[in-house]
Amino acid sequence: MRPFTTPVPDLPAPARPAVRPTAVVYCEGNFAKIDGKTANGLVRSSERYRIVAVIDSTLAGHDAGVALGGAHVGIPVVATLAAALAPGVDGASDLGVSAPPDALIFGLAPLSGLMSASDRKAVLGAVTAGLDIVSGLHEFLNDDLEIAAAAAISHVTLHDVRRPHATKDLRMFDGAIDTVECVRIAVLGTDGAIGKRTTSTLLTKALNDAGIHAVMVGTGQTGLMQGAKYGVALDAIPAQFGVGELEGAVVAAWEGEHPDVIVIEGQGALSHPAYLSSTVVLRAARPQAVIMQHAPARTVLSDYPDVPMPVAATEVALIEAFGKTRVIGLTINHERMTPAEVDAAALLYEAELGVPTTDALWRDPKELVAMVTDAFPALLAPFAQPTQVG
């Protein structure tokens, strides 16, 4: 059995900003869309890599932050890898990059978890150009004879973020979660690709900024690429070991940091007809509380257009019954909504559900902190010590 303190596999440890490796993110045709969620997340936050460009010919010439509907971040969107490798000034008006990147990150997250023919060509081109490749796909680049051979010739490294440990090294659930004596909060949602990872990241930062020591446990490839120190790519773990592997990651976060709060990134949705990962999160982490992410303007599931979106109230009831926990807040994904519509929706959900509601991207992060401290007021005590609650 692997020790709890085993770090996230197959990726360099997060480094100080001055020495982070640089990376260009490949997201052809999908940046700022649902299937571009890995690229979207890396542009918004990345401790492990410094993102210097995004490849998407459909948005070439834009600043990546602006393309996501936010502020200018100085990360250009370019049309090709050649443009990303061309000399330029990082974030300047010509939208060039200052130096060749160290790595190419595959920033697409298709439902299949597989590359298209054009994606494959782009990866091979990056390998030939001497870039390490970071991939969160279900097909592992190191198992691909052509790509692995090209990587060997070019002396580059292929990082398969989703590759689990050998079966003999996977752990079963053993109840060690009961030794974790701090607040555990899971961020779940009503659909996949709805913003759970973004809210988890912003919540963790907001708590730390408020003086409450928080650590995030990632459960998907994007969170691990961004720099989550603890976590597993949950949907790549054999079902028998999923609960044990995530339990081990939460215990590792506790033993390694002794934080006041551990935030566990959710996956899928408990009600989702195809994804089971939320059940694993609830069983493995045994969170005392849940913050639920919902997209009011989304009428059907993102990858299943024939399946209607669940109602927020029914998902809350399902989470609380299945997880023996409580939902302490709602966060809104504002896709296809105006700020005024978000404000109106927040008021309606607060009245209907009786919990505080906010937009993690558009509204003050102090609202996220208040969700947690209202539910766990002991965290506001000076020099708060981790305390088992519930």
Protein backbone atom coordinates (compact mmCIF):
# COMPACT_ATOMS: atom_id res chain seq x y z
CA MET A 1 0.00 0.00 0.00
CA ARG A 2 1.33 3.47 -0.88
CA PRO A 3 1.89 5.84 2.05
CA PHE A 4 -0.59 8.66 2.40
CA THR A 5 2.12 11.25 1.76
CA THR A 6 2.78 10.14 -1.83
CA PRO A 7 2.63 13.33 -3.96
CA VAL A 8 0.59 13.77 -7.13
CA PRO A 9 2.19 11.38 -9.65
CA ASP A 10 3.95 12.11 -12.93
CA LEU A 11 4.11 15.90 -12.69
CA PRO A 12 6.80 18.25 -11.44
CA ALA A 13 6.10 19.70 -8.01
CA PRO A 14 4.67 23.23 -7.99
CA ALA A 15 7.56 25.67 -7.93
CA ARG A 16 8.00 29.27 -6.96
CA PRO A 17 6.73 31.61 -9.71
CA ALA A 18 10.26 32.58 -10.83
CA VAL A 19 11.18 29.00 -11.72
CA ARG A 20 7.90 27.56 -12.98
CA PRO A 21 8.25 25.80 -16.33
CA THR A 22 6.48 27.61 -19.15
CA ALA A 23 3.73 25.97 -21.19
CA VAL A 24 1.54 26.60 -24.20
CA VAL A 25 -1.94 25.09 -24.00
CA TYR A 26 -3.42 23.34 -27.02
CA CYS A 27 -7.18 23.90 -27.26
CA GLU A 28 -7.99 24.07 -30.96
CA GLY A 29 -11.58 25.09 -31.62
CA ASN A 30 -12.69 24.84 -28.00
CA PHE A 31 -11.12 27.57 -25.87
CA ALA A 32 -13.74 29.29 -23.67
CA LYS A 33 -16.12 26.39 -24.38
CA ILE A 34 -17.12 23.41 -22.24
CA ASP A 35 -14.70 20.95 -23.86
CA GLY A 36 -11.91 23.48 -23.35
CA LYS A 37 -12.34 23.41 -19.59
CA THR A 38 -8.75 22.27 -18.96
CA ALA A 39 -7.36 25.20 -20.93
CA ASN A 40 -9.90 27.57 -19.38
CA GLY A 41 -8.88 26.49 -15.89
CA LEU A 42 -5.15 26.79 -16.56
CA VAL A 43 -5.55 30.34 -17.84
CA ARG A 44 -7.50 31.28 -14.71
CA SER A 45 -5.09 29.63 -12.28
CA SER A 46 -1.85 27.68 -12.52
CA GLU A 47 0.76 27.22 -9.83
CA ARG A 48 2.63 24.41 -11.58
CA TYR A 49 3.19 26.04 -14.98
CA ARG A 50 3.41 29.59 -16.29
CA ILE A 51 1.03 29.65 -19.24
CA VAL A 52 2.47 31.73 -22.07
CA ALA A 53 -0.03 31.08 -24.88
CA VAL A 54 -3.16 29.18 -25.90
CA ILE A 55 -3.48 27.57 -29.34
CA ASP A 56 -6.94 28.01 -30.89
CA SER A 57 -7.15 29.36 -34.44
CA THR A 58 -10.80 30.37 -33.96
CA LEU A 59 -9.81 32.97 -31.33
CA ALA A 60 -6.32 33.89 -32.52
CA GLY A 61 -5.42 37.50 -31.74
CA HIS A 62 -7.41 37.64 -28.50
CA ASP A 63 -6.10 37.83 -24.97
CA ALA A 64 -7.01 34.57 -23.22
CA GLY A 65 -8.45 36.27 -20.16
CA VAL A 66 -10.68 38.50 -22.24
CA ALA A 67 -11.79 35.51 -24.35
CA LEU A 68 -12.97 33.90 -21.10
CA GLY A 69 -15.04 36.96 -20.32
CA GLY A 70 -12.65 38.33 -17.72
CA ALA A 71 -9.78 40.76 -17.46
CA HIS A 72 -6.68 40.98 -19.66
CA VAL A 73 -4.11 38.45 -18.38
CA GLY A 74 -1.32 38.85 -20.91
CA ILE A 75 -1.70 35.33 -22.32
CA PRO A 76 -2.13 35.46 -26.11
CA VAL A 77 -4.33 33.12 -28.11
CA VAL A 78 -2.44 32.08 -31.24
CA ALA A 79 -3.41 30.08 -34.31
CA THR A 80 -0.65 27.49 -34.44
CA LEU A 81 2.23 25.97 -32.51
CA ALA A 82 4.58 27.78 -34.87
CA ALA A 83 3.09 31.08 -33.72
CA ALA A 84 3.56 30.04 -30.10
CA LEU A 85 7.20 29.22 -30.78
CA ALA A 86 7.91 32.46 -32.66
CA PRO A 87 9.82 35.19 -30.78
CA GLY A 88 7.66 37.97 -29.42
CA VAL A 89 6.82 39.97 -26.35
CA ASP A 90 4.73 38.13 -23.80
CA GLY A 91 1.34 39.81 -23.50
CA ALA A 92 2.27 42.78 -25.73
CA SER A 93 0.04 44.23 -28.41
CA ASP A 94 1.41 41.90 -31.06
CA LEU A 95 0.20 38.97 -28.91
CA GLY A 96 3.47 37.13 -29.30
CA VAL A 97 5.29 35.10 -26.66
CA SER A 98 8.67 35.96 -25.19
CA ALA A 99 10.42 32.58 -25.45
CA PRO A 100 9.75 29.02 -26.60
CA PRO A 101 7.73 27.17 -23.94
CA ASP A 102 9.02 24.17 -22.04
CA ALA A 103 5.88 22.11 -22.53
CA LEU A 104 2.65 21.76 -24.46
CA ILE A 105 -0.39 20.97 -22.33
CA PHE A 106 -3.29 19.20 -24.03
CA GLY A 107 -6.07 21.54 -22.95
CA LEU A 108 -9.09 19.74 -24.39
CA ALA A 109 -11.33 17.53 -22.26
CA PRO A 110 -13.58 15.70 -24.74
CA LEU A 111 -16.22 13.31 -23.45
CA SER A 112 -14.35 10.39 -25.06
CA GLY A 113 -11.05 11.32 -23.42
CA LEU A 114 -9.38 10.59 -26.78
CA MET A 115 -7.45 12.59 -29.38
CA SER A 116 -8.73 13.35 -32.85
CA ALA A 117 -6.42 12.92 -35.87
CA SER A 118 -5.69 16.64 -35.93
CA ASP A 119 -5.00 16.66 -32.19
CA ARG A 120 -2.54 13.83 -32.65
CA LYS A 121 -0.75 15.73 -35.39
CA ALA A 122 -0.43 18.75 -33.11
CA VAL A 123 1.02 16.64 -30.28
CA LEU A 124 3.56 15.02 -32.61
CA GLY A 125 4.52 18.46 -33.88
CA ALA A 126 5.15 19.67 -30.35
CA VAL A 127 7.24 16.58 -29.55
CA THR A 128 9.32 17.12 -32.67
CA ALA A 129 9.79 20.76 -31.64
CA GLY A 130 11.29 19.58 -28.37
CA LEU A 131 8.43 20.30 -25.97
CA ASP A 132 7.45 18.04 -23.09
CA ILE A 133 3.80 16.99 -23.35
CA VAL A 134 1.30 17.08 -20.49
CA SER A 135 -1.89 15.17 -21.17
CA GLY A 136 -4.98 14.41 -19.13
CA LEU A 137 -6.49 12.08 -21.71
CA HIS A 138 -7.70 8.56 -21.06
CA GLU A 139 -5.38 7.31 -23.83
CA PHE A 140 -1.84 7.39 -22.47
CA LEU A 141 0.84 8.95 -24.66
CA ASN A 142 3.56 6.73 -23.22
CA ASP A 143 1.64 3.69 -24.53
CA ASP A 144 1.42 5.13 -28.04
CA LEU A 145 4.34 3.62 -29.98
CA GLU A 146 4.67 6.45 -32.49
CA ILE A 147 4.44 9.29 -29.96
CA ALA A 148 6.67 7.52 -27.43
CA ALA A 149 9.31 6.85 -30.11
CA ALA A 150 9.22 10.48 -31.24
CA ALA A 151 9.59 11.59 -27.61
CA ALA A 152 12.62 9.35 -27.17
CA ILE A 153 14.25 10.77 -30.31
CA SER A 154 13.57 14.36 -29.19
CA HIS A 155 14.55 13.66 -25.56
CA VAL A 156 11.28 15.02 -24.19
CA THR A 157 9.03 13.75 -21.41
CA LEU A 158 5.43 12.62 -21.78
CA HIS A 159 3.33 13.24 -18.65
CA ASP A 160 0.14 11.11 -18.53
CA VAL A 161 -1.68 12.83 -15.68
CA ARG A 162 -4.56 10.39 -15.58
CA ARG A 163 -2.45 7.24 -15.42
CA PRO A 164 -3.18 5.50 -12.11
CA HIS A 165 -0.62 3.62 -10.08
CA ALA A 166 -0.22 -0.08 -10.70
CA THR A 167 -3.15 -2.06 -9.30
CA LYS A 168 -0.94 -3.65 -6.66
CA ASP A 169 -0.17 -0.16 -5.31
CA LEU A 170 -3.76 1.12 -5.15
CA ARG A 171 -5.39 1.35 -1.75
CA MET A 172 -8.79 0.27 -0.52
CA PHE A 173 -10.92 2.37 1.83
CA ASP A 174 -9.96 1.58 5.42
CA GLY A 175 -11.61 4.29 7.52
CA ALA A 176 -8.50 6.42 7.92
CA ILE A 177 -10.65 9.44 7.03
CA ASP A 178 -11.85 9.37 10.64
CA THR A 179 -8.38 10.54 11.72
CA VAL A 180 -8.75 13.79 9.77
CA GLU A 181 -9.59 16.36 12.46
CA CYS A 182 -10.51 19.41 10.39
CA VAL A 183 -13.44 20.80 8.45
CA ARG A 184 -13.91 19.06 5.12
CA ILE A 185 -15.97 20.78 2.43
CA ALA A 186 -16.80 19.17 -0.91
CA VAL A 187 -17.71 21.34 -3.90
CA LEU A 188 -20.31 19.35 -5.83
CA GLY A 189 -22.59 20.37 -8.68
CA THR A 190 -25.64 19.65 -10.78
CA ASP A 191 -23.70 18.70 -13.95
CA GLY A 192 -20.24 18.01 -15.30
CA ALA A 193 -18.12 20.90 -16.64
CA ILE A 194 -20.06 23.36 -14.51
CA GLY A 195 -17.26 25.07 -12.57
CA LYS A 196 -16.68 22.91 -9.49
CA ARG A 197 -12.90 23.02 -9.88
CA THR A 198 -12.88 26.79 -10.40
CA THR A 199 -15.02 27.35 -7.32
CA SER A 200 -12.84 24.94 -5.31
CA THR A 201 -9.72 26.84 -6.33
CA LEU A 202 -11.22 30.26 -5.57
CA LEU A 203 -12.66 29.07 -2.26
CA THR A 204 -9.30 27.68 -1.14
CA LYS A 205 -7.54 30.92 -2.04
CA ALA A 206 -10.21 33.07 -0.38
CA LEU A 207 -9.98 31.09 2.87
CA ASN A 208 -6.20 31.39 2.93
CA ASP A 209 -6.40 35.10 2.18
CA ALA A 210 -8.75 35.41 5.16
CA GLY A 211 -6.23 33.73 7.45
CA ILE A 212 -7.96 30.33 7.48
CA HIS A 213 -5.47 27.66 6.46
CA ALA A 214 -7.07 25.71 3.61
CA VAL A 215 -5.78 22.99 1.30
CA MET A 216 -7.47 21.74 -1.85
CA VAL A 217 -7.61 18.08 -2.86
CA GLY A 218 -7.96 17.76 -6.63
CA THR A 219 -9.99 14.98 -8.21
CA GLY A 220 -9.49 15.68 -11.92
CA GLN A 221 -6.67 16.13 -14.39
CA THR A 222 -7.01 19.91 -14.63
CA GLY A 223 -6.68 20.50 -10.90
CA LEU A 224 -3.57 18.32 -10.82
CA MET A 225 -2.08 20.24 -13.77
CA GLN A 226 -2.86 23.54 -12.05
CA GLY A 227 -0.79 22.52 -9.07
CA ALA A 228 -2.94 20.68 -6.57
CA LYS A 229 -0.41 19.12 -4.19
CA TYR A 230 -2.80 16.38 -3.17
CA GLY A 231 -5.29 14.46 -5.25
CA VAL A 232 -6.10 11.76 -7.77
CA ALA A 233 -7.57 11.71 -11.27
CA LEU A 234 -10.66 10.03 -9.92
CA ASP A 235 -12.31 8.91 -13.16
CA ALA A 236 -9.21 6.91 -14.12
CA ILE A 237 -9.14 4.83 -10.92
CA PRO A 238 -10.73 1.34 -11.03
CA ALA A 239 -14.04 1.50 -9.19
CA GLN A 240 -12.93 -0.87 -6.42
CA PHE A 241 -10.13 1.49 -5.41
CA GLY A 242 -11.62 4.94 -6.03
CA VAL A 243 -12.88 5.53 -2.50
CA GLY A 244 -9.62 4.32 -0.96
CA GLU A 245 -7.43 6.39 -3.27
CA LEU A 246 -9.34 9.59 -2.57
CA GLU A 247 -9.47 8.82 1.15
CA GLY A 248 -5.68 8.51 1.03
CA ALA A 249 -5.33 11.87 -0.71
CA VAL A 250 -7.47 13.63 1.91
CA VAL A 251 -5.54 11.97 4.72
CA ALA A 252 -2.27 12.99 3.02
CA ALA A 253 -3.46 16.61 2.93
CA TRP A 254 -4.28 16.44 6.65
CA GLU A 255 -1.01 14.78 7.63
CA GLY A 256 1.06 17.02 5.38
CA GLU A 257 -0.50 20.39 6.26
CA HIS A 258 -2.79 20.10 9.31
CA PRO A 259 -5.06 22.75 7.79
CA ASP A 260 -8.21 24.25 9.26
CA VAL A 261 -10.18 23.32 6.13
CA ILE A 262 -9.74 20.77 3.35
CA VAL A 263 -11.64 21.60 0.15
CA ILE A 264 -12.41 18.57 -2.03
CA GLU A 265 -13.06 19.21 -5.71
CA GLY A 266 -16.17 17.41 -6.94
CA GLN A 267 -16.71 15.57 -10.20
CA GLY A 268 -19.86 15.15 -12.28
CA ALA A 269 -23.08 15.29 -10.27
CA LEU A 270 -24.70 12.91 -7.83
CA SER A 271 -27.83 12.77 -10.02
CA HIS A 272 -25.89 12.41 -13.30
CA PRO A 273 -26.94 9.32 -15.29
CA ALA A 274 -23.41 8.58 -16.53
CA TYR A 275 -20.95 9.78 -13.87
CA LEU A 276 -20.46 8.14 -10.48
CA SER A 277 -17.59 10.24 -9.12
CA SER A 278 -19.71 12.33 -6.75
CA THR A 279 -20.61 9.19 -4.83
CA VAL A 280 -16.90 8.50 -4.37
CA VAL A 281 -16.25 12.04 -3.12
CA LEU A 282 -18.98 11.77 -0.51
CA ARG A 283 -17.97 8.29 0.64
CA ALA A 284 -14.21 8.90 0.68
CA ALA A 285 -14.01 12.43 2.12
CA ARG A 286 -17.07 12.27 4.37
CA PRO A 287 -17.45 16.05 4.17
CA GLN A 288 -19.23 17.82 6.99
CA ALA A 289 -20.51 20.31 4.41
CA VAL A 290 -21.04 20.79 0.69
CA ILE A 291 -21.07 23.88 -1.51
CA MET A 292 -23.11 23.19 -4.64
CA GLN A 293 -22.40 24.68 -8.08
CA HIS A 294 -25.36 25.24 -10.42
CA ALA A 295 -25.93 26.84 -13.83
CA PRO A 296 -29.43 28.37 -13.81
CA ALA A 297 -29.46 29.05 -17.57
CA ARG A 298 -28.39 25.52 -18.50
CA THR A 299 -31.48 23.53 -19.48
CA VAL A 300 -29.88 20.19 -20.40
CA LEU A 301 -26.80 18.30 -19.27
CA SER A 302 -23.64 19.47 -21.02
CA ASP A 303 -22.70 16.14 -22.61
CA TYR A 304 -26.21 14.68 -22.76
CA PRO A 305 -28.52 17.13 -24.56
CA ASP A 306 -31.54 14.84 -24.22
CA VAL A 307 -31.33 14.86 -20.41
CA PRO A 308 -32.84 17.87 -18.60
CA MET A 309 -30.81 19.64 -15.94
CA PRO A 310 -31.81 18.80 -12.38
CA VAL A 311 -33.49 21.39 -10.21
CA ALA A 312 -31.19 22.85 -7.56
CA ALA A 313 -33.50 21.93 -4.68
CA THR A 314 -33.73 18.27 -5.69
CA GLU A 315 -29.95 17.99 -6.01
CA VAL A 316 -29.51 19.54 -2.56
CA ALA A 317 -31.93 17.00 -1.09
CA LEU A 318 -30.15 14.13 -2.86
CA ILE A 319 -26.70 15.23 -1.65
CA GLU A 320 -27.84 15.66 1.93
CA ALA A 321 -29.62 12.29 2.02
CA PHE A 322 -26.90 10.27 0.31
CA GLY A 323 -23.92 11.97 1.92
CA LYS A 324 -25.36 12.45 5.40
CA THR A 325 -24.09 16.01 5.17
CA ARG A 326 -25.50 19.50 4.65
CA VAL A 327 -25.33 21.97 1.78
CA ILE A 328 -24.12 25.29 3.23
CA GLY A 329 -24.12 27.40 0.09
CA LEU A 330 -24.86 27.63 -3.63
CA THR A 331 -22.48 29.01 -6.24
CA ILE A 332 -23.74 30.10 -9.65
CA ASN A 333 -22.16 29.34 -13.01
CA HIS A 334 -23.12 32.47 -14.94
CA GLU A 335 -23.00 31.08 -18.48
CA ARG A 336 -25.55 32.85 -20.71
CA MET A 337 -26.49 35.18 -17.82
CA THR A 338 -26.01 38.89 -17.17
CA PRO A 339 -24.81 40.22 -13.81
CA ALA A 340 -28.34 41.42 -13.09
CA GLU A 341 -29.73 37.96 -13.82
CA VAL A 342 -27.13 36.41 -11.50
CA ASP A 343 -28.09 38.80 -8.70
CA ALA A 344 -31.78 38.01 -9.18
CA ALA A 345 -31.12 34.27 -9.27
CA ALA A 346 -29.04 34.50 -6.08
CA LEU A 347 -31.91 36.14 -4.23
CA LEU A 348 -34.36 33.50 -5.44
CA TYR A 349 -32.13 30.58 -4.45
CA GLU A 350 -31.43 32.09 -1.05
CA ALA A 351 -35.18 32.34 -0.44
CA GLU A 352 -35.92 28.87 -1.82
CA LEU A 353 -33.02 26.92 -0.32
CA GLY A 354 -32.27 28.97 2.77
CA VAL A 355 -28.51 29.07 2.05
CA PRO A 356 -26.21 31.92 0.94
CA THR A 357 -25.68 32.13 -2.81
CA THR A 358 -22.92 33.80 -4.81
CA ASP A 359 -21.01 33.78 -8.09
CA ALA A 360 -17.42 32.74 -7.37
CA LEU A 361 -16.04 34.54 -10.42
CA TRP A 362 -18.13 37.72 -10.49
CA ARG A 363 -18.75 38.50 -6.84
CA ASP A 364 -16.57 39.27 -3.83
CA PRO A 365 -14.63 36.16 -2.68
CA LYS A 366 -15.45 37.19 0.90
CA GLU A 367 -18.92 35.78 0.21
CA LEU A 368 -17.35 32.34 -0.21
CA VAL A 369 -15.53 32.73 3.09
CA ALA A 370 -18.75 33.80 4.80
CA MET A 371 -20.49 30.62 3.60
CA VAL A 372 -17.87 28.60 5.45
CA THR A 373 -17.52 30.70 8.60
CA ASP A 374 -21.29 31.02 9.02
CA ALA A 375 -21.47 27.22 9.02
CA PHE A 376 -18.33 26.75 11.14
CA PRO A 377 -17.95 29.85 13.34
CA ALA A 378 -15.09 28.28 15.30
CA LEU A 379 -12.90 28.99 12.27
CA LEU A 380 -13.11 32.69 13.11
CA ALA A 381 -11.40 32.20 16.47
CA PRO A 382 -7.93 33.76 16.64
CA PHE A 383 -5.28 31.25 15.59
CA ALA A 384 -8.01 28.73 14.82
CA GLN A 385 -6.92 25.17 15.49
CA PRO A 386 -8.16 22.26 13.36
CA THR A 387 -11.17 20.82 15.11
CA GLN A 388 -13.17 17.71 14.30
CA VAL A 389 -16.74 18.81 13.58
CA GLY A 390 -19.49 16.31 13.07
